[in-house]
Amino acid sequence: TPFDLAVGMFEWRQAPSAIVEMVKTLRESGVVAHAVQLKEGDTVVRGPEWDRQDRDGGAGKRGHVTQFDPRNSTYKVKWESSGEEDRFSCTEQQCKLLVVEAASAA
């Protein structure tokens, strides 16, 4: 996808804020859709719609999708830096998370 190609140009650990700004620009131009296809095992970071202060440990800190609840379409994420867990809902219009490493297909 255009998103995967664009993100591949950056090193996540070095410039997470630059990636967030790039994704915002691409979304505004209509090139990138919101990431709504998370799955258990995906590694994620905060996305452009993030509004939860530093609960994730800060910009660029990684978390792992540990569970998907189909009853209410929410994802549980456990953050590496703090061990805290959060629930997120992602839709076609908004997702607070970006996948930085997809879980391998089993």
PDB file of N, CA and C in Angstrom:
ATOM      1  N   THR A   1       0.844  -1.187   0.000  1.00  0.00           N
ATOM      2  CA  THR A   1       0.000   0.000   0.000  1.00  0.00           C
ATOM      3  C   THR A   1       0.884   1.243   0.000  1.00  0.00           C
ATOM      4  N   PRO A   2       0.349   2.396  -0.381  1.00  0.00           N
ATOM      5  CA  PRO A   2       1.145   3.624  -0.308  1.00  0.00           C
ATOM      6  C   PRO A   2       1.637   3.904   1.104  1.00  0.00           C
ATOM      7  N   PHE A   3       0.815   3.571   2.113  1.00  0.00           N
ATOM      8  CA  PHE A   3       1.213   3.776   3.506  1.00  0.00           C
ATOM      9  C   PHE A   3       2.444   2.947   3.850  1.00  0.00           C
ATOM     10  N   ASP A   4       2.440   1.673   3.509  1.00  0.00           N
ATOM     11  CA  ASP A   4       3.578   0.808   3.808  1.00  0.00           C
ATOM     12  C   ASP A   4       4.837   1.322   3.134  1.00  0.00           C
ATOM     13  N   LEU A   5       4.727   1.758   1.894  1.00  0.00           N
ATOM     14  CA  LEU A   5       5.889   2.275   1.176  1.00  0.00           C
ATOM     15  C   LEU A   5       6.407   3.555   1.822  1.00  0.00           C
ATOM     16  N   ALA A   6       5.503   4.443   2.208  1.00  0.00           N
ATOM     17  CA  ALA A   6       5.918   5.703   2.823  1.00  0.00           C
ATOM     18  C   ALA A   6       6.571   5.463   4.174  1.00  0.00           C
ATOM     19  N   VAL A   7       5.980   4.607   4.984  1.00  0.00           N
ATOM     20  CA  VAL A   7       6.532   4.327   6.307  1.00  0.00           C
ATOM     21  C   VAL A   7       7.868   3.626   6.190  1.00  0.00           C
ATOM     22  N   GLY A   8       8.062   2.826   5.164  1.00  0.00           N
ATOM     23  CA  GLY A   8       9.322   2.127   4.967  1.00  0.00           C
ATOM     24  C   GLY A   8      10.499   3.061   4.768  1.00  0.00           C
ATOM     25  N   MET A   9      10.231   4.322   4.440  1.00  0.00           N
ATOM     26  CA  MET A   9      11.307   5.282   4.229  1.00  0.00           C
ATOM     27  C   MET A   9      11.861   5.824   5.541  1.00  0.00           C
ATOM     28  N   PHE A  10      11.210   5.565   6.658  1.00  0.00           N
ATOM     29  CA  PHE A  10      11.606   6.114   7.943  1.00  0.00           C
ATOM     30  C   PHE A  10      12.051   5.025   8.903  1.00  0.00           C
ATOM     31  N   GLU A  11      12.865   5.384   9.863  1.00  0.00           N
ATOM     32  CA  GLU A  11      13.248   4.497  10.959  1.00  0.00           C
ATOM     33  C   GLU A  11      12.406   4.908  12.161  1.00  0.00           C
ATOM     34  N   TRP A  12      11.472   4.054  12.594  1.00  0.00           N
ATOM     35  CA  TRP A  12      10.513   4.393  13.649  1.00  0.00           C
ATOM     36  C   TRP A  12      11.175   4.877  14.923  1.00  0.00           C
ATOM     37  N   ARG A  13      12.242   4.233  15.356  1.00  0.00           N
ATOM     38  CA  ARG A  13      12.839   4.594  16.633  1.00  0.00           C
ATOM     39  C   ARG A  13      13.515   5.954  16.583  1.00  0.00           C
ATOM     40  N   GLN A  14      13.846   6.435  15.420  1.00  0.00           N
ATOM     41  CA  GLN A  14      14.567   7.699  15.327  1.00  0.00           C
ATOM     42  C   GLN A  14      13.660   8.902  15.115  1.00  0.00           C
ATOM     43  N   ALA A  15      12.558   8.742  14.435  1.00  0.00           N
ATOM     44  CA  ALA A  15      11.747   9.913  14.085  1.00  0.00           C
ATOM     45  C   ALA A  15      10.252   9.639  14.143  1.00  0.00           C
ATOM     46  N   PRO A  16       9.719   9.199  15.308  1.00  0.00           N
ATOM     47  CA  PRO A  16       8.280   8.900  15.354  1.00  0.00           C
ATOM     48  C   PRO A  16       7.400  10.107  15.078  1.00  0.00           C
ATOM     49  N   SER A  17       7.802  11.305  15.520  1.00  0.00           N
ATOM     50  CA  SER A  17       6.958  12.481  15.272  1.00  0.00           C
ATOM     51  C   SER A  17       6.933  12.834  13.787  1.00  0.00           C
ATOM     52  N   ALA A  18       8.036  12.618  13.081  1.00  0.00           N
ATOM     53  CA  ALA A  18       8.072  12.883  11.639  1.00  0.00           C
ATOM     54  C   ALA A  18       7.136  11.936  10.905  1.00  0.00           C
ATOM     55  N   ILE A  19       7.055  10.702  11.357  1.00  0.00           N
ATOM     56  CA  ILE A  19       6.166   9.735  10.724  1.00  0.00           C
ATOM     57  C   ILE A  19       4.719  10.124  10.948  1.00  0.00           C
ATOM     58  N   VAL A  20       4.380  10.530  12.175  1.00  0.00           N
ATOM     59  CA  VAL A  20       3.007  10.945  12.467  1.00  0.00           C
ATOM     60  C   VAL A  20       2.623  12.116  11.580  1.00  0.00           C
ATOM     61  N   GLU A  21       3.507  13.097  11.435  1.00  0.00           N
ATOM     62  CA  GLU A  21       3.220  14.250  10.577  1.00  0.00           C
ATOM     63  C   GLU A  21       3.071  13.825   9.115  1.00  0.00           C
ATOM     64  N   MET A  22       3.935  12.897   8.661  1.00  0.00           N
ATOM     65  CA  MET A  22       3.854  12.416   7.283  1.00  0.00           C
ATOM     66  C   MET A  22       2.511  11.709   7.046  1.00  0.00           C
ATOM     67  N   VAL A  23       2.087  10.887   7.996  1.00  0.00           N
ATOM     68  CA  VAL A  23       0.815  10.168   7.849  1.00  0.00           C
ATOM     69  C   VAL A  23      -0.343  11.151   7.824  1.00  0.00           C
ATOM     70  N   LYS A  24      -0.304  12.185   8.677  1.00  0.00           N
ATOM     71  CA  LYS A  24      -1.359  13.209   8.654  1.00  0.00           C
ATOM     72  C   LYS A  24      -1.447  13.851   7.271  1.00  0.00           C
ATOM     73  N   THR A  25      -0.293  14.198   6.715  1.00  0.00           N
ATOM     74  CA  THR A  25      -0.256  14.833   5.397  1.00  0.00           C
ATOM     75  C   THR A  25      -0.815  13.900   4.328  1.00  0.00           C
ATOM     76  N   LEU A  26      -0.402  12.638   4.362  1.00  0.00           N
ATOM     77  CA  LEU A  26      -0.889  11.673   3.374  1.00  0.00           C
ATOM     78  C   LEU A  26      -2.387  11.446   3.516  1.00  0.00           C
ATOM     79  N   ARG A  27      -2.893  11.394   4.748  1.00  0.00           N
ATOM     80  CA  ARG A  27      -4.332  11.209   4.957  1.00  0.00           C
ATOM     81  C   ARG A  27      -5.106  12.407   4.424  1.00  0.00           C
ATOM     82  N   GLU A  28      -4.608  13.599   4.721  1.00  0.00           N
ATOM     83  CA  GLU A  28      -5.287  14.807   4.251  1.00  0.00           C
ATOM     84  C   GLU A  28      -5.340  14.858   2.727  1.00  0.00           C
ATOM     85  N   SER A  29      -4.330  14.298   2.085  1.00  0.00           N
ATOM     86  CA  SER A  29      -4.304  14.296   0.619  1.00  0.00           C
ATOM     87  C   SER A  29      -5.107  13.136   0.036  1.00  0.00           C
ATOM     88  N   GLY A  30      -5.614  12.246   0.910  1.00  0.00           N
ATOM     89  CA  GLY A  30      -6.419  11.129   0.449  1.00  0.00           C
ATOM     90  C   GLY A  30      -5.618   9.905   0.039  1.00  0.00           C
ATOM     91  N   VAL A  31      -4.302   9.934   0.256  1.00  0.00           N
ATOM     92  CA  VAL A  31      -3.458   8.807  -0.153  1.00  0.00           C
ATOM     93  C   VAL A  31      -3.544   7.657   0.829  1.00  0.00           C
ATOM     94  N   VAL A  32      -3.675   7.962   2.120  1.00  0.00           N
ATOM     95  CA  VAL A  32      -3.642   6.933   3.162  1.00  0.00           C
ATOM     96  C   VAL A  32      -4.983   6.862   3.870  1.00  0.00           C
ATOM     97  N   ALA A  33      -5.504   5.663   3.992  1.00  0.00           N
ATOM     98  CA  ALA A  33      -6.718   5.445   4.778  1.00  0.00           C
ATOM     99  C   ALA A  33      -6.300   5.171   6.221  1.00  0.00           C
ATOM    100  N   HIS A  34      -7.243   5.228   7.114  1.00  0.00           N
ATOM    101  CA  HIS A  34      -6.942   4.932   8.513  1.00  0.00           C
ATOM    102  C   HIS A  34      -6.667   3.442   8.681  1.00  0.00           C
ATOM    103  N   ALA A  35      -5.747   3.129   9.574  1.00  0.00           N
ATOM    104  CA  ALA A  35      -5.366   1.734   9.823  1.00  0.00           C
ATOM    105  C   ALA A  35      -6.396   1.095  10.739  1.00  0.00           C
ATOM    106  N   VAL A  36      -7.233   0.225  10.211  1.00  0.00           N
ATOM    107  CA  VAL A  36      -8.263  -0.402  11.031  1.00  0.00           C
ATOM    108  C   VAL A  36      -8.130  -1.912  11.061  1.00  0.00           C
ATOM    109  N   GLN A  37      -7.148  -2.461  10.417  1.00  0.00           N
ATOM    110  CA  GLN A  37      -7.022  -3.909  10.355  1.00  0.00           C
ATOM    111  C   GLN A  37      -5.932  -4.404  11.297  1.00  0.00           C
ATOM    112  N   LEU A  38      -6.066  -4.052  12.575  1.00  0.00           N
ATOM    113  CA  LEU A  38      -5.126  -4.544  13.574  1.00  0.00           C
ATOM    114  C   LEU A  38      -5.429  -6.002  13.854  1.00  0.00           C
ATOM    115  N   LYS A  39      -4.408  -6.727  14.311  1.00  0.00           N
ATOM    116  CA  LYS A  39      -4.635  -8.115  14.714  1.00  0.00           C
ATOM    117  C   LYS A  39      -3.746  -8.446  15.901  1.00  0.00           C
ATOM    118  N   GLU A  40      -4.110  -9.464  16.626  1.00  0.00           N
ATOM    119  CA  GLU A  40      -3.333  -9.875  17.791  1.00  0.00           C
ATOM    120  C   GLU A  40      -1.897 -10.147  17.374  1.00  0.00           C
ATOM    121  N   GLY A  41      -0.964  -9.624  18.163  1.00  0.00           N
ATOM    122  CA  GLY A  41       0.453  -9.800  17.877  1.00  0.00           C
ATOM    123  C   GLY A  41       1.085  -8.633  17.150  1.00  0.00           C
ATOM    124  N   ASP A  42       0.270  -7.735  16.562  1.00  0.00           N
ATOM    125  CA  ASP A  42       0.827  -6.559  15.894  1.00  0.00           C
ATOM    126  C   ASP A  42       1.539  -5.670  16.911  1.00  0.00           C
ATOM    127  N   THR A  43       2.632  -5.056  16.478  1.00  0.00           N
ATOM    128  CA  THR A  43       3.331  -4.061  17.280  1.00  0.00           C
ATOM    129  C   THR A  43       2.867  -2.695  16.800  1.00  0.00           C
ATOM    130  N   VAL A  44       2.464  -1.843  17.744  1.00  0.00           N
ATOM    131  CA  VAL A  44       1.859  -0.554  17.403  1.00  0.00           C
ATOM    132  C   VAL A  44       2.541   0.598  18.149  1.00  0.00           C
ATOM    133  N   VAL A  45       2.348   1.803  17.628  1.00  0.00           N
ATOM    134  CA  VAL A  45       2.723   3.054  18.298  1.00  0.00           C
ATOM    135  C   VAL A  45       1.534   3.995  18.192  1.00  0.00           C
ATOM    136  N   ARG A  46       1.600   5.099  18.926  1.00  0.00           N
ATOM    137  CA  ARG A  46       0.509   6.080  18.842  1.00  0.00           C
ATOM    138  C   ARG A  46       0.426   6.654  17.434  1.00  0.00           C
ATOM    139  N   GLY A  47      -0.782   6.906  17.000  1.00  0.00           N
ATOM    140  CA  GLY A  47      -1.022   7.479  15.682  1.00  0.00           C
ATOM    141  C   GLY A  47      -1.389   8.947  15.769  1.00  0.00           C
ATOM    142  N   PRO A  48      -1.764   9.542  14.628  1.00  0.00           N
ATOM    143  CA  PRO A  48      -2.075  10.973  14.582  1.00  0.00           C
ATOM    144  C   PRO A  48      -3.263  11.387  15.453  1.00  0.00           C
ATOM    145  N   GLU A  49      -4.187  10.483  15.724  1.00  0.00           N
ATOM    146  CA  GLU A  49      -5.365  10.833  16.521  1.00  0.00           C
ATOM    147  C   GLU A  49      -5.157  10.597  18.012  1.00  0.00           C
ATOM    148  N   TRP A  50      -3.923  10.321  18.435  1.00  0.00           N
ATOM    149  CA  TRP A  50      -3.624   9.996  19.838  1.00  0.00           C
ATOM    150  C   TRP A  50      -4.075  11.123  20.752  1.00  0.00           C
ATOM    151  N   ASP A  51      -4.785  10.779  21.847  1.00  0.00           N
ATOM    152  CA  ASP A  51      -5.255  11.778  22.794  1.00  0.00           C
ATOM    153  C   ASP A  51      -5.169  11.282  24.232  1.00  0.00           C
ATOM    154  N   ARG A  52      -4.253  10.360  24.486  1.00  0.00           N
ATOM    155  CA  ARG A  52      -4.170   9.758  25.820  1.00  0.00           C
ATOM    156  C   ARG A  52      -2.886  10.129  26.555  1.00  0.00           C
ATOM    157  N   GLN A  53      -2.410  11.325  26.357  1.00  0.00           N
ATOM    158  CA  GLN A  53      -1.197  11.840  26.990  1.00  0.00           C
ATOM    159  C   GLN A  53      -0.057  10.830  26.817  1.00  0.00           C
ATOM    160  N   ASP A  54       0.705  10.535  27.871  1.00  0.00           N
ATOM    161  CA  ASP A  54       1.842   9.627  27.735  1.00  0.00           C
ATOM    162  C   ASP A  54       1.594   8.263  28.370  1.00  0.00           C
ATOM    163  N   ARG A  55       0.356   7.828  28.341  1.00  0.00           N
ATOM    164  CA  ARG A  55       0.023   6.517  28.925  1.00  0.00           C
ATOM    165  C   ARG A  55       0.801   5.392  28.251  1.00  0.00           C
ATOM    166  N   ASP A  56       1.189   5.610  26.994  1.00  0.00           N
ATOM    167  CA  ASP A  56       1.956   4.618  26.239  1.00  0.00           C
ATOM    168  C   ASP A  56       3.454   4.696  26.537  1.00  0.00           C
ATOM    169  N   GLY A  57       3.862   5.698  27.327  1.00  0.00           N
ATOM    170  CA  GLY A  57       5.273   5.886  27.621  1.00  0.00           C
ATOM    171  C   GLY A  57       5.907   6.980  26.791  1.00  0.00           C
ATOM    172  N   GLY A  58       5.168   7.549  25.842  1.00  0.00           N
ATOM    173  CA  GLY A  58       5.677   8.628  25.008  1.00  0.00           C
ATOM    174  C   GLY A  58       5.669   8.267  23.537  1.00  0.00           C
ATOM    175  N   ALA A  59       5.818   9.281  22.702  1.00  0.00           N
ATOM    176  CA  ALA A  59       5.813   9.086  21.252  1.00  0.00           C
ATOM    177  C   ALA A  59       6.896   8.098  20.854  1.00  0.00           C
ATOM    178  N   GLY A  60       6.528   7.156  19.998  1.00  0.00           N
ATOM    179  CA  GLY A  60       7.475   6.168  19.495  1.00  0.00           C
ATOM    180  C   GLY A  60       7.599   4.926  20.350  1.00  0.00           C
ATOM    181  N   LYS A  61       6.991   4.932  21.538  1.00  0.00           N
ATOM    182  CA  LYS A  61       7.049   3.744  22.406  1.00  0.00           C
ATOM    183  C   LYS A  61       6.120   2.686  21.841  1.00  0.00           C
ATOM    184  N   ARG A  62       6.565   1.463  21.903  1.00  0.00           N
ATOM    185  CA  ARG A  62       5.832   0.362  21.281  1.00  0.00           C
ATOM    186  C   ARG A  62       4.908  -0.365  22.259  1.00  0.00           C
ATOM    187  N   GLY A  63       3.834  -0.894  21.680  1.00  0.00           N
ATOM    188  CA  GLY A  63       2.911  -1.745  22.407  1.00  0.00           C
ATOM    189  C   GLY A  63       2.548  -2.921  21.518  1.00  0.00           C
ATOM    190  N   HIS A  64       1.896  -3.899  22.109  1.00  0.00           N
ATOM    191  CA  HIS A  64       1.518  -5.096  21.359  1.00  0.00           C
ATOM    192  C   HIS A  64       0.025  -5.357  21.520  1.00  0.00           C
ATOM    193  N   VAL A  65      -0.635  -5.612  20.402  1.00  0.00           N
ATOM    194  CA  VAL A  65      -2.058  -5.964  20.439  1.00  0.00           C
ATOM    195  C   VAL A  65      -2.151  -7.358  21.039  1.00  0.00           C
ATOM    196  N   THR A  66      -2.815  -7.456  22.189  1.00  0.00           N
ATOM    197  CA  THR A  66      -2.909  -8.740  22.891  1.00  0.00           C
ATOM    198  C   THR A  66      -4.265  -9.404  22.747  1.00  0.00           C
ATOM    199  N   GLN A  67      -5.259  -8.625  22.326  1.00  0.00           N
ATOM    200  CA  GLN A  67      -6.607  -9.209  22.260  1.00  0.00           C
ATOM    201  C   GLN A  67      -7.505  -8.358  21.372  1.00  0.00           C
ATOM    202  N   PHE A  68      -8.411  -9.005  20.664  1.00  0.00           N
ATOM    203  CA  PHE A  68      -9.469  -8.318  19.931  1.00  0.00           C
ATOM    204  C   PHE A  68     -10.789  -8.818  20.477  1.00  0.00           C
ATOM    205  N   ASP A  69     -11.684  -7.912  20.816  1.00  0.00           N
ATOM    206  CA  ASP A  69     -13.005  -8.268  21.315  1.00  0.00           C
ATOM    207  C   ASP A  69     -14.032  -7.953  20.239  1.00  0.00           C
ATOM    208  N   PRO A  70     -14.528  -8.983  19.525  1.00  0.00           N
ATOM    209  CA  PRO A  70     -15.471  -8.745  18.431  1.00  0.00           C
ATOM    210  C   PRO A  70     -16.835  -8.216  18.885  1.00  0.00           C
ATOM    211  N   ARG A  71     -17.176  -8.382  20.156  1.00  0.00           N
ATOM    212  CA  ARG A  71     -18.474  -7.900  20.643  1.00  0.00           C
ATOM    213  C   ARG A  71     -18.581  -6.387  20.552  1.00  0.00           C
ATOM    214  N   ASN A  72     -17.467  -5.690  20.809  1.00  0.00           N
ATOM    215  CA  ASN A  72     -17.510  -4.224  20.748  1.00  0.00           C
ATOM    216  C   ASN A  72     -16.400  -3.657  19.865  1.00  0.00           C
ATOM    217  N   SER A  73     -15.755  -4.532  19.084  1.00  0.00           N
ATOM    218  CA  SER A  73     -14.712  -4.134  18.129  1.00  0.00           C
ATOM    219  C   SER A  73     -13.597  -3.316  18.776  1.00  0.00           C
ATOM    220  N   THR A  74     -13.114  -3.787  19.924  1.00  0.00           N
ATOM    221  CA  THR A  74     -12.007  -3.109  20.592  1.00  0.00           C
ATOM    222  C   THR A  74     -10.778  -4.003  20.627  1.00  0.00           C
ATOM    223  N   TYR A  75      -9.637  -3.327  20.696  1.00  0.00           N
ATOM    224  CA  TYR A  75      -8.347  -4.001  20.768  1.00  0.00           C
ATOM    225  C   TYR A  75      -7.712  -3.682  22.112  1.00  0.00           C
ATOM    226  N   LYS A  76      -7.081  -4.682  22.731  1.00  0.00           N
ATOM    227  CA  LYS A  76      -6.329  -4.451  23.948  1.00  0.00           C
ATOM    228  C   LYS A  76      -4.855  -4.391  23.567  1.00  0.00           C
ATOM    229  N   VAL A  77      -4.167  -3.365  24.065  1.00  0.00           N
ATOM    230  CA  VAL A  77      -2.744  -3.163  23.786  1.00  0.00           C
ATOM    231  C   VAL A  77      -1.995  -3.096  25.110  1.00  0.00           C
ATOM    232  N   LYS A  78      -0.875  -3.829  25.178  1.00  0.00           N
ATOM    233  CA  LYS A  78       0.003  -3.771  26.344  1.00  0.00           C
ATOM    234  C   LYS A  78       1.270  -3.032  25.928  1.00  0.00           C
ATOM    235  N   TRP A  79       1.601  -1.953  26.665  1.00  0.00           N
ATOM    236  CA  TRP A  79       2.743  -1.110  26.340  1.00  0.00           C
ATOM    237  C   TRP A  79       4.025  -1.678  26.933  1.00  0.00           C
ATOM    238  N   GLU A  80       5.079  -1.753  26.100  1.00  0.00           N
ATOM    239  CA  GLU A  80       6.376  -2.284  26.540  1.00  0.00           C
ATOM    240  C   GLU A  80       6.964  -1.451  27.677  1.00  0.00           C
ATOM    241  N   SER A  81       6.878  -0.137  27.571  1.00  0.00           N
ATOM    242  CA  SER A  81       7.565   0.749  28.519  1.00  0.00           C
ATOM    243  C   SER A  81       6.972   0.729  29.923  1.00  0.00           C
ATOM    244  N   SER A  82       5.668   0.547  30.020  1.00  0.00           N
ATOM    245  CA  SER A  82       5.011   0.643  31.326  1.00  0.00           C
ATOM    246  C   SER A  82       4.335  -0.642  31.778  1.00  0.00           C
ATOM    247  N   GLY A  83       4.067  -1.533  30.846  1.00  0.00           N
ATOM    248  CA  GLY A  83       3.309  -2.737  31.187  1.00  0.00           C
ATOM    249  C   GLY A  83       1.817  -2.477  31.305  1.00  0.00           C
ATOM    250  N   GLU A  84       1.415  -1.209  31.140  1.00  0.00           N
ATOM    251  CA  GLU A  84      -0.004  -0.833  31.209  1.00  0.00           C
ATOM    252  C   GLU A  84      -0.756  -1.405  30.014  1.00  0.00           C
ATOM    253  N   GLU A  85      -2.049  -1.651  30.199  1.00  0.00           N
ATOM    254  CA  GLU A  85      -2.904  -2.105  29.100  1.00  0.00           C
ATOM    255  C   GLU A  85      -3.998  -1.085  28.858  1.00  0.00           C
ATOM    256  N   ASP A  86      -4.325  -0.876  27.597  1.00  0.00           N
ATOM    257  CA  ASP A  86      -5.386   0.036  27.189  1.00  0.00           C
ATOM    258  C   ASP A  86      -6.265  -0.651  26.166  1.00  0.00           C
ATOM    259  N   ARG A  87      -7.515  -0.191  26.066  1.00  0.00           N
ATOM    260  CA  ARG A  87      -8.427  -0.667  25.022  1.00  0.00           C
ATOM    261  C   ARG A  87      -8.629   0.448  24.011  1.00  0.00           C
ATOM    262  N   PHE A  88      -8.709   0.048  22.742  1.00  0.00           N
ATOM    263  CA  PHE A  88      -8.885   1.003  21.650  1.00  0.00           C
ATOM    264  C   PHE A  88      -9.943   0.495  20.691  1.00  0.00           C
ATOM    265  N   SER A  89     -10.646   1.435  20.097  1.00  0.00           N
ATOM    266  CA  SER A  89     -11.596   1.129  19.042  1.00  0.00           C
ATOM    267  C   SER A  89     -11.099   1.817  17.778  1.00  0.00           C
ATOM    268  N   CYS A  90     -11.022   1.093  16.677  1.00  0.00           N
ATOM    269  CA  CYS A  90     -10.581   1.676  15.412  1.00  0.00           C
ATOM    270  C   CYS A  90     -11.704   1.569  14.389  1.00  0.00           C
ATOM    271  N   THR A  91     -11.919   2.672  13.675  1.00  0.00           N
ATOM    272  CA  THR A  91     -12.952   2.704  12.637  1.00  0.00           C
ATOM    273  C   THR A  91     -12.335   3.184  11.339  1.00  0.00           C
ATOM    274  N   GLU A  92     -13.116   3.219  10.295  1.00  0.00           N
ATOM    275  CA  GLU A  92     -12.648   3.742   9.005  1.00  0.00           C
ATOM    276  C   GLU A  92     -12.248   5.211   9.129  1.00  0.00           C
ATOM    277  N   GLN A  93     -12.851   5.942  10.076  1.00  0.00           N
ATOM    278  CA  GLN A  93     -12.595   7.361  10.209  1.00  0.00           C
ATOM    279  C   GLN A  93     -11.485   7.686  11.209  1.00  0.00           C
ATOM    280  N   GLN A  94     -11.225   6.803  12.166  1.00  0.00           N
ATOM    281  CA  GLN A  94     -10.277   7.150  13.217  1.00  0.00           C
ATOM    282  C   GLN A  94      -9.656   5.923  13.851  1.00  0.00           C
ATOM    283  N   CYS A  95      -8.349   6.007  14.077  1.00  0.00           N
ATOM    284  CA  CYS A  95      -7.645   4.987  14.853  1.00  0.00           C
ATOM    285  C   CYS A  95      -6.492   5.678  15.550  1.00  0.00           C
ATOM    286  N   LYS A  96      -6.360   5.462  16.835  1.00  0.00           N
ATOM    287  CA  LYS A  96      -5.320   6.110  17.615  1.00  0.00           C
ATOM    288  C   LYS A  96      -3.978   5.400  17.495  1.00  0.00           C
ATOM    289  N   LEU A  97      -3.940   4.279  16.763  1.00  0.00           N
ATOM    290  CA  LEU A  97      -2.736   3.456  16.679  1.00  0.00           C
ATOM    291  C   LEU A  97      -2.252   3.293  15.247  1.00  0.00           C
ATOM    292  N   LEU A  98      -0.945   3.106  15.103  1.00  0.00           N
ATOM    293  CA  LEU A  98      -0.346   2.753  13.824  1.00  0.00           C
ATOM    294  C   LEU A  98       0.461   1.462  14.002  1.00  0.00           C
ATOM    295  N   VAL A  99       0.342   0.559  13.054  1.00  0.00           N
ATOM    296  CA  VAL A  99       1.104  -0.688  13.094  1.00  0.00           C
ATOM    297  C   VAL A  99       2.517  -0.411  12.605  1.00  0.00           C
ATOM    298  N   VAL A 100       3.524  -0.805  13.409  1.00  0.00           N
ATOM    299  CA  VAL A 100       4.906  -0.648  12.982  1.00  0.00           C
ATOM    300  C   VAL A 100       5.522  -1.992  12.623  1.00  0.00           C
ATOM    301  N   GLU A 101       4.917  -3.059  13.113  1.00  0.00           N
ATOM    302  CA  GLU A 101       5.376  -4.404  12.764  1.00  0.00           C
ATOM    303  C   GLU A 101       4.177  -5.340  12.839  1.00  0.00           C
ATOM    304  N   ALA A 102       3.800  -5.885  11.696  1.00  0.00           N
ATOM    305  CA  ALA A 102       2.649  -6.778  11.643  1.00  0.00           C
ATOM    306  C   ALA A 102       3.032  -8.132  12.224  1.00  0.00           C
ATOM    307  N   ALA A 103       2.091  -8.746  12.903  1.00  0.00           N
ATOM    308  CA  ALA A 103       2.307 -10.091  13.422  1.00  0.00           C
ATOM    309  C   ALA A 103       2.492 -11.044  12.248  1.00  0.00           C
ATOM    310  N   SER A 104       3.361 -12.001  12.413  1.00  0.00           N
ATOM    311  CA  SER A 104       3.564 -12.976  11.341  1.00  0.00           C
ATOM    312  C   SER A 104       2.357 -13.887  11.269  1.00  0.00           C
ATOM    313  N   ALA A 105       2.024 -14.283  10.049  1.00  0.00           N
ATOM    314  CA  ALA A 105       0.896 -15.201   9.836  1.00  0.00           C
ATOM    315  C   ALA A 105       1.285 -16.581  10.319  1.00  0.00           C
ATOM    316  N   ALA A 106       0.438 -17.152  11.140  1.00  0.00           N
ATOM    317  CA  ALA A 106       0.731 -18.477  11.689  1.00  0.00           C
ATOM    318  C   ALA A 106       0.106 -19.562  10.852  1.00  0.00           C
TER     319      ALA A 106
END
